Amino acid sequence: MSGARPMPVRLKKLIGTFLLVALVSIYALIATIIAVGHLAQSSGWVHLAYFLFTGLLWILPAMWIIWWMEKPPRRKTG
């Protein structure tokens, strides 16, 4: 019985790189659209808090993608 072959490291890194670029691009676009739509009349402190929060929030999914990229391939047992 043959098991699934592990994904080559280079392919994982290529996929992860594209995922990171897509994540940052889409996230920045959405965060900016929300800011323009909801923060136009807000004070500078609200803008600072919003952009500080959203500027750090994207790190969580990026960390997961990087963890997945760096995870060693499963070893074949049996």
PDB file of N, CA and C in Angstrom:
ATOM      1  N   MET A   1       0.844  -1.168   0.000  1.00  0.00           N
ATOM      2  CA  MET A   1       0.000   0.000   0.000  1.00  0.00           C
ATOM      3  C   MET A   1       0.896   1.239   0.000  1.00  0.00           C
ATOM      4  N   SER A   2       0.688   2.126  -0.933  1.00  0.00           N
ATOM      5  CA  SER A   2       1.551   3.306  -1.014  1.00  0.00           C
ATOM      6  C   SER A   2       0.862   4.501  -0.366  1.00  0.00           C
ATOM      7  N   GLY A   3       1.625   5.241   0.432  1.00  0.00           N
ATOM      8  CA  GLY A   3       1.098   6.437   1.094  1.00  0.00           C
ATOM      9  C   GLY A   3       1.351   7.663   0.242  1.00  0.00           C
ATOM     10  N   ALA A   4       0.793   8.739   0.658  1.00  0.00           N
ATOM     11  CA  ALA A   4       1.004   9.987  -0.063  1.00  0.00           C
ATOM     12  C   ALA A   4       2.450  10.446   0.111  1.00  0.00           C
ATOM     13  N   ARG A   5       3.039  10.890  -0.975  1.00  0.00           N
ATOM     14  CA  ARG A   5       4.417  11.378  -0.901  1.00  0.00           C
ATOM     15  C   ARG A   5       4.425  12.759  -0.300  1.00  0.00           C
ATOM     16  N   PRO A   6       5.423  13.056   0.531  1.00  0.00           N
ATOM     17  CA  PRO A   6       5.491  14.398   1.117  1.00  0.00           C
ATOM     18  C   PRO A   6       5.783  15.440   0.039  1.00  0.00           C
ATOM     19  N   MET A   7       5.281  16.626   0.261  1.00  0.00           N
ATOM     20  CA  MET A   7       5.496  17.715  -0.682  1.00  0.00           C
ATOM     21  C   MET A   7       6.963  18.142  -0.639  1.00  0.00           C
ATOM     22  N   PRO A   8       7.590  18.303  -1.793  1.00  0.00           N
ATOM     23  CA  PRO A   8       8.986  18.766  -1.807  1.00  0.00           C
ATOM     24  C   PRO A   8       9.122  20.132  -1.122  1.00  0.00           C
ATOM     25  N   VAL A   9      10.238  20.322  -0.448  1.00  0.00           N
ATOM     26  CA  VAL A   9      10.467  21.546   0.315  1.00  0.00           C
ATOM     27  C   VAL A   9      10.422  22.776  -0.590  1.00  0.00           C
ATOM     28  N   ARG A  10      11.020  22.686  -1.750  1.00  0.00           N
ATOM     29  CA  ARG A  10      11.045  23.844  -2.660  1.00  0.00           C
ATOM     30  C   ARG A  10       9.639  24.229  -3.113  1.00  0.00           C
ATOM     31  N   LEU A  11       8.791  23.244  -3.356  1.00  0.00           N
ATOM     32  CA  LEU A  11       7.415  23.527  -3.760  1.00  0.00           C
ATOM     33  C   LEU A  11       6.643  24.165  -2.606  1.00  0.00           C
ATOM     34  N   LYS A  12       6.864  23.663  -1.392  1.00  0.00           N
ATOM     35  CA  LYS A  12       6.219  24.251  -0.216  1.00  0.00           C
ATOM     36  C   LYS A  12       6.615  25.716  -0.048  1.00  0.00           C
ATOM     37  N   LYS A  13       7.873  26.011  -0.232  1.00  0.00           N
ATOM     38  CA  LYS A  13       8.356  27.386  -0.075  1.00  0.00           C
ATOM     39  C   LYS A  13       7.801  28.283  -1.187  1.00  0.00           C
ATOM     40  N   LEU A  14       7.680  27.768  -2.383  1.00  0.00           N
ATOM     41  CA  LEU A  14       7.109  28.543  -3.482  1.00  0.00           C
ATOM     42  C   LEU A  14       5.641  28.860  -3.202  1.00  0.00           C
ATOM     43  N   ILE A  15       4.883  27.853  -2.796  1.00  0.00           N
ATOM     44  CA  ILE A  15       3.471  28.058  -2.466  1.00  0.00           C
ATOM     45  C   ILE A  15       3.346  29.032  -1.303  1.00  0.00           C
ATOM     46  N   GLY A  16       4.162  28.853  -0.267  1.00  0.00           N
ATOM     47  CA  GLY A  16       4.127  29.733   0.889  1.00  0.00           C
ATOM     48  C   GLY A  16       4.448  31.168   0.539  1.00  0.00           C
ATOM     49  N   THR A  17       5.395  31.372  -0.363  1.00  0.00           N
ATOM     50  CA  THR A  17       5.754  32.722  -0.786  1.00  0.00           C
ATOM     51  C   THR A  17       4.587  33.399  -1.478  1.00  0.00           C
ATOM     52  N   PHE A  18       3.931  32.678  -2.386  1.00  0.00           N
ATOM     53  CA  PHE A  18       2.762  33.239  -3.063  1.00  0.00           C
ATOM     54  C   PHE A  18       1.632  33.513  -2.070  1.00  0.00           C
ATOM     55  N   LEU A  19       1.440  32.625  -1.098  1.00  0.00           N
ATOM     56  CA  LEU A  19       0.409  32.839  -0.082  1.00  0.00           C
ATOM     57  C   LEU A  19       0.710  34.083   0.754  1.00  0.00           C
ATOM     58  N   LEU A  20       1.972  34.280   1.131  1.00  0.00           N
ATOM     59  CA  LEU A  20       2.343  35.462   1.909  1.00  0.00           C
ATOM     60  C   LEU A  20       2.119  36.750   1.131  1.00  0.00           C
ATOM     61  N   VAL A  21       2.503  36.762  -0.133  1.00  0.00           N
ATOM     62  CA  VAL A  21       2.298  37.956  -0.957  1.00  0.00           C
ATOM     63  C   VAL A  21       0.805  38.238  -1.111  1.00  0.00           C
ATOM     64  N   ALA A  22       0.015  37.201  -1.360  1.00  0.00           N
ATOM     65  CA  ALA A  22      -1.429  37.373  -1.486  1.00  0.00           C
ATOM     66  C   ALA A  22      -2.037  37.850  -0.166  1.00  0.00           C
ATOM     67  N   LEU A  23      -1.617  37.258   0.942  1.00  0.00           N
ATOM     68  CA  LEU A  23      -2.125  37.656   2.253  1.00  0.00           C
ATOM     69  C   LEU A  23      -1.872  39.134   2.517  1.00  0.00           C
ATOM     70  N   VAL A  24      -0.654  39.571   2.335  1.00  0.00           N
ATOM     71  CA  VAL A  24      -0.308  40.967   2.623  1.00  0.00           C
ATOM     72  C   VAL A  24      -1.062  41.912   1.685  1.00  0.00           C
ATOM     73  N   SER A  25      -1.147  41.570   0.418  1.00  0.00           N
ATOM     74  CA  SER A  25      -1.834  42.445  -0.549  1.00  0.00           C
ATOM     75  C   SER A  25      -3.320  42.567  -0.235  1.00  0.00           C
ATOM     76  N   ILE A  26      -3.979  41.441  -0.049  1.00  0.00           N
ATOM     77  CA  ILE A  26      -5.421  41.451   0.215  1.00  0.00           C
ATOM     78  C   ILE A  26      -5.707  42.073   1.571  1.00  0.00           C
ATOM     79  N   TYR A  27      -4.911  41.742   2.572  1.00  0.00           N
ATOM     80  CA  TYR A  27      -5.113  42.290   3.910  1.00  0.00           C
ATOM     81  C   TYR A  27      -4.965  43.808   3.906  1.00  0.00           C
ATOM     82  N   ALA A  28      -3.930  44.313   3.253  1.00  0.00           N
ATOM     83  CA  ALA A  28      -3.719  45.765   3.200  1.00  0.00           C
ATOM     84  C   ALA A  28      -4.871  46.456   2.480  1.00  0.00           C
ATOM     85  N   LEU A  29      -5.352  45.855   1.416  1.00  0.00           N
ATOM     86  CA  LEU A  29      -6.465  46.430   0.669  1.00  0.00           C
ATOM     87  C   LEU A  29      -7.726  46.490   1.537  1.00  0.00           C
ATOM     88  N   ILE A  30      -8.040  45.398   2.220  1.00  0.00           N
ATOM     89  CA  ILE A  30      -9.230  45.356   3.071  1.00  0.00           C
ATOM     90  C   ILE A  30      -9.099  46.321   4.241  1.00  0.00           C
ATOM     91  N   ALA A  31      -7.943  46.351   4.885  1.00  0.00           N
ATOM     92  CA  ALA A  31      -7.741  47.262   6.022  1.00  0.00           C
ATOM     93  C   ALA A  31      -7.872  48.718   5.584  1.00  0.00           C
ATOM     94  N   THR A  32      -7.385  49.042   4.412  1.00  0.00           N
ATOM     95  CA  THR A  32      -7.474  50.408   3.909  1.00  0.00           C
ATOM     96  C   THR A  32      -8.911  50.762   3.547  1.00  0.00           C
ATOM     97  N   ILE A  33      -9.633  49.842   2.921  1.00  0.00           N
ATOM     98  CA  ILE A  33     -11.037  50.093   2.565  1.00  0.00           C
ATOM     99  C   ILE A  33     -11.862  50.336   3.825  1.00  0.00           C
ATOM    100  N   ILE A  34     -11.631  49.531   4.853  1.00  0.00           N
ATOM    101  CA  ILE A  34     -12.353  49.709   6.111  1.00  0.00           C
ATOM    102  C   ILE A  34     -12.007  51.059   6.731  1.00  0.00           C
ATOM    103  N   ALA A  35     -10.737  51.411   6.717  1.00  0.00           N
ATOM    104  CA  ALA A  35     -10.311  52.686   7.295  1.00  0.00           C
ATOM    105  C   ALA A  35     -10.952  53.865   6.566  1.00  0.00           C
ATOM    106  N   VAL A  36     -10.949  53.832   5.254  1.00  0.00           N
ATOM    107  CA  VAL A  36     -11.519  54.932   4.478  1.00  0.00           C
ATOM    108  C   VAL A  36     -13.026  55.022   4.706  1.00  0.00           C
ATOM    109  N   GLY A  37     -13.683  53.873   4.800  1.00  0.00           N
ATOM    110  CA  GLY A  37     -15.131  53.870   4.952  1.00  0.00           C
ATOM    111  C   GLY A  37     -15.625  54.217   6.343  1.00  0.00           C
ATOM    112  N   HIS A  38     -14.840  53.919   7.370  1.00  0.00           N
ATOM    113  CA  HIS A  38     -15.336  54.076   8.737  1.00  0.00           C
ATOM    114  C   HIS A  38     -14.564  55.077   9.592  1.00  0.00           C
ATOM    115  N   LEU A  39     -13.385  55.457   9.187  1.00  0.00           N
ATOM    116  CA  LEU A  39     -12.569  56.312  10.039  1.00  0.00           C
ATOM    117  C   LEU A  39     -12.387  57.734   9.506  1.00  0.00           C
ATOM    118  N   ALA A  40     -13.128  58.095   8.487  1.00  0.00           N
ATOM    119  CA  ALA A  40     -12.911  59.392   7.843  1.00  0.00           C
ATOM    120  C   ALA A  40     -13.063  60.555   8.820  1.00  0.00           C
ATOM    121  N   GLN A  41     -14.022  60.491   9.713  1.00  0.00           N
ATOM    122  CA  GLN A  41     -14.281  61.600  10.632  1.00  0.00           C
ATOM    123  C   GLN A  41     -13.698  61.361  12.026  1.00  0.00           C
ATOM    124  N   SER A  42     -12.908  60.305  12.183  1.00  0.00           N
ATOM    125  CA  SER A  42     -12.350  59.965  13.494  1.00  0.00           C
ATOM    126  C   SER A  42     -11.110  60.792  13.805  1.00  0.00           C
ATOM    127  N   SER A  43     -10.769  60.811  15.091  1.00  0.00           N
ATOM    128  CA  SER A  43      -9.587  61.573  15.521  1.00  0.00           C
ATOM    129  C   SER A  43      -8.301  60.841  15.142  1.00  0.00           C
ATOM    130  N   GLY A  44      -7.202  61.539  15.299  1.00  0.00           N
ATOM    131  CA  GLY A  44      -5.894  60.952  15.004  1.00  0.00           C
ATOM    132  C   GLY A  44      -5.571  59.774  15.902  1.00  0.00           C
ATOM    133  N   TRP A  45      -6.050  59.804  17.140  1.00  0.00           N
ATOM    134  CA  TRP A  45      -5.796  58.694  18.066  1.00  0.00           C
ATOM    135  C   TRP A  45      -6.511  57.423  17.624  1.00  0.00           C
ATOM    136  N   VAL A  46      -7.707  57.578  17.090  1.00  0.00           N
ATOM    137  CA  VAL A  46      -8.438  56.415  16.585  1.00  0.00           C
ATOM    138  C   VAL A  46      -7.706  55.840  15.375  1.00  0.00           C
ATOM    139  N   HIS A  47      -7.236  56.700  14.510  1.00  0.00           N
ATOM    140  CA  HIS A  47      -6.451  56.251  13.346  1.00  0.00           C
ATOM    141  C   HIS A  47      -5.187  55.515  13.801  1.00  0.00           C
ATOM    142  N   LEU A  48      -4.503  56.095  14.773  1.00  0.00           N
ATOM    143  CA  LEU A  48      -3.286  55.463  15.287  1.00  0.00           C
ATOM    144  C   LEU A  48      -3.588  54.083  15.859  1.00  0.00           C
ATOM    145  N   ALA A  49      -4.629  53.981  16.675  1.00  0.00           N
ATOM    146  CA  ALA A  49      -4.983  52.697  17.284  1.00  0.00           C
ATOM    147  C   ALA A  49      -5.382  51.681  16.222  1.00  0.00           C
ATOM    148  N   TYR A  50      -6.187  52.113  15.247  1.00  0.00           N
ATOM    149  CA  TYR A  50      -6.636  51.209  14.187  1.00  0.00           C
ATOM    150  C   TYR A  50      -5.452  50.676  13.374  1.00  0.00           C
ATOM    151  N   PHE A  51      -4.589  51.577  12.935  1.00  0.00           N
ATOM    152  CA  PHE A  51      -3.480  51.136  12.093  1.00  0.00           C
ATOM    153  C   PHE A  51      -2.416  50.376  12.881  1.00  0.00           C
ATOM    154  N   LEU A  52      -2.285  50.667  14.156  1.00  0.00           N
ATOM    155  CA  LEU A  52      -1.387  49.872  14.992  1.00  0.00           C
ATOM    156  C   LEU A  52      -1.927  48.443  15.123  1.00  0.00           C
ATOM    157  N   PHE A  53      -3.214  48.338  15.409  1.00  0.00           N
ATOM    158  CA  PHE A  53      -3.844  47.025  15.556  1.00  0.00           C
ATOM    159  C   PHE A  53      -3.808  46.240  14.238  1.00  0.00           C
ATOM    160  N   THR A  54      -4.269  46.857  13.149  1.00  0.00           N
ATOM    161  CA  THR A  54      -4.300  46.140  11.876  1.00  0.00           C
ATOM    162  C   THR A  54      -2.895  45.911  11.316  1.00  0.00           C
ATOM    163  N   GLY A  55      -1.962  46.780  11.681  1.00  0.00           N
ATOM    164  CA  GLY A  55      -0.587  46.594  11.232  1.00  0.00           C
ATOM    165  C   GLY A  55       0.086  45.400  11.877  1.00  0.00           C
ATOM    166  N   LEU A  56      -0.400  44.993  13.042  1.00  0.00           N
ATOM    167  CA  LEU A  56       0.162  43.826  13.731  1.00  0.00           C
ATOM    168  C   LEU A  56      -0.664  42.561  13.525  1.00  0.00           C
ATOM    169  N   LEU A  57      -1.943  42.713  13.204  1.00  0.00           N
ATOM    170  CA  LEU A  57      -2.840  41.560  13.111  1.00  0.00           C
ATOM    171  C   LEU A  57      -2.473  40.592  11.980  1.00  0.00           C
ATOM    172  N   TRP A  58      -1.934  41.088  10.890  1.00  0.00           N
ATOM    173  CA  TRP A  58      -1.611  40.217   9.761  1.00  0.00           C
ATOM    174  C   TRP A  58      -0.481  39.241  10.092  1.00  0.00           C
ATOM    175  N   ILE A  59       0.243  39.528  11.169  1.00  0.00           N
ATOM    176  CA  ILE A  59       1.376  38.677  11.540  1.00  0.00           C
ATOM    177  C   ILE A  59       0.915  37.271  11.924  1.00  0.00           C
ATOM    178  N   LEU A  60      -0.265  37.148  12.526  1.00  0.00           N
ATOM    179  CA  LEU A  60      -0.744  35.827  12.964  1.00  0.00           C
ATOM    180  C   LEU A  60      -0.913  34.841  11.801  1.00  0.00           C
ATOM    181  N   PRO A  61      -1.654  35.180  10.741  1.00  0.00           N
ATOM    182  CA  PRO A  61      -1.719  34.222   9.627  1.00  0.00           C
ATOM    183  C   PRO A  61      -0.378  34.057   8.911  1.00  0.00           C
ATOM    184  N   ALA A  62       0.433  35.118   8.877  1.00  0.00           N
ATOM    185  CA  ALA A  62       1.748  35.001   8.243  1.00  0.00           C
ATOM    186  C   ALA A  62       2.634  34.028   9.016  1.00  0.00           C
ATOM    187  N   MET A  63       2.550  34.061  10.354  1.00  0.00           N
ATOM    188  CA  MET A  63       3.333  33.120  11.163  1.00  0.00           C
ATOM    189  C   MET A  63       2.912  31.687  10.872  1.00  0.00           C
ATOM    190  N   TRP A  64       1.616  31.458  10.693  1.00  0.00           N
ATOM    191  CA  TRP A  64       1.144  30.109  10.399  1.00  0.00           C
ATOM    192  C   TRP A  64       1.674  29.645   9.039  1.00  0.00           C
ATOM    193  N   ILE A  65       1.641  30.508   8.042  1.00  0.00           N
ATOM    194  CA  ILE A  65       2.151  30.145   6.710  1.00  0.00           C
ATOM    195  C   ILE A  65       3.644  29.831   6.789  1.00  0.00           C
ATOM    196  N   ILE A  66       4.404  30.656   7.494  1.00  0.00           N
ATOM    197  CA  ILE A  66       5.852  30.423   7.622  1.00  0.00           C
ATOM    198  C   ILE A  66       6.108  29.133   8.390  1.00  0.00           C
ATOM    199  N   TRP A  67       5.338  28.868   9.443  1.00  0.00           N
ATOM    200  CA  TRP A  67       5.484  27.612  10.194  1.00  0.00           C
ATOM    201  C   TRP A  67       5.241  26.421   9.272  1.00  0.00           C
ATOM    202  N   TRP A  68       4.205  26.502   8.426  1.00  0.00           N
ATOM    203  CA  TRP A  68       3.897  25.424   7.492  1.00  0.00           C
ATOM    204  C   TRP A  68       5.026  25.243   6.473  1.00  0.00           C
ATOM    205  N   MET A  69       5.582  26.363   5.999  1.00  0.00           N
ATOM    206  CA  MET A  69       6.668  26.284   5.018  1.00  0.00           C
ATOM    207  C   MET A  69       7.916  25.622   5.616  1.00  0.00           C
ATOM    208  N   GLU A  70       8.205  25.914   6.866  1.00  0.00           N
ATOM    209  CA  GLU A  70       9.438  25.440   7.499  1.00  0.00           C
ATOM    210  C   GLU A  70       9.303  24.071   8.141  1.00  0.00           C
ATOM    211  N   LYS A  71       8.080  23.573   8.263  1.00  0.00           N
ATOM    212  CA  LYS A  71       7.870  22.272   8.892  1.00  0.00           C
ATOM    213  C   LYS A  71       8.537  21.190   8.042  1.00  0.00           C
ATOM    214  N   PRO A  72       9.350  20.332   8.663  1.00  0.00           N
ATOM    215  CA  PRO A  72      10.023  19.287   7.880  1.00  0.00           C
ATOM    216  C   PRO A  72       9.014  18.292   7.303  1.00  0.00           C
ATOM    217  N   PRO A  73       9.315  17.702   6.164  1.00  0.00           N
ATOM    218  CA  PRO A  73       8.403  16.726   5.574  1.00  0.00           C
ATOM    219  C   PRO A  73       8.235  15.504   6.490  1.00  0.00           C
ATOM    220  N   ARG A  74       7.052  14.924   6.397  1.00  0.00           N
ATOM    221  CA  ARG A  74       6.808  13.713   7.198  1.00  0.00           C
ATOM    222  C   ARG A  74       7.690  12.584   6.692  1.00  0.00           C
ATOM    223  N   ARG A  75       8.175  11.818   7.649  1.00  0.00           N
ATOM    224  CA  ARG A  75       9.012  10.667   7.280  1.00  0.00           C
ATOM    225  C   ARG A  75       8.121   9.477   6.994  1.00  0.00           C
ATOM    226  N   LYS A  76       8.535   8.712   6.022  1.00  0.00           N
ATOM    227  CA  LYS A  76       7.784   7.528   5.644  1.00  0.00           C
ATOM    228  C   LYS A  76       8.005   6.448   6.704  1.00  0.00           C
ATOM    229  N   THR A  77       6.929   5.901   7.235  1.00  0.00           N
ATOM    230  CA  THR A  77       7.035   4.836   8.240  1.00  0.00           C
ATOM    231  C   THR A  77       6.667   3.516   7.604  1.00  0.00           C
ATOM    232  N   GLY A  78       7.292   2.509   8.085  1.00  0.00           N
ATOM    233  CA  GLY A  78       6.935   1.175   7.604  1.00  0.00           C
ATOM    234  C   GLY A  78       7.970   0.609   6.808  1.00  0.00           C
TER     235      GLY A  78
END
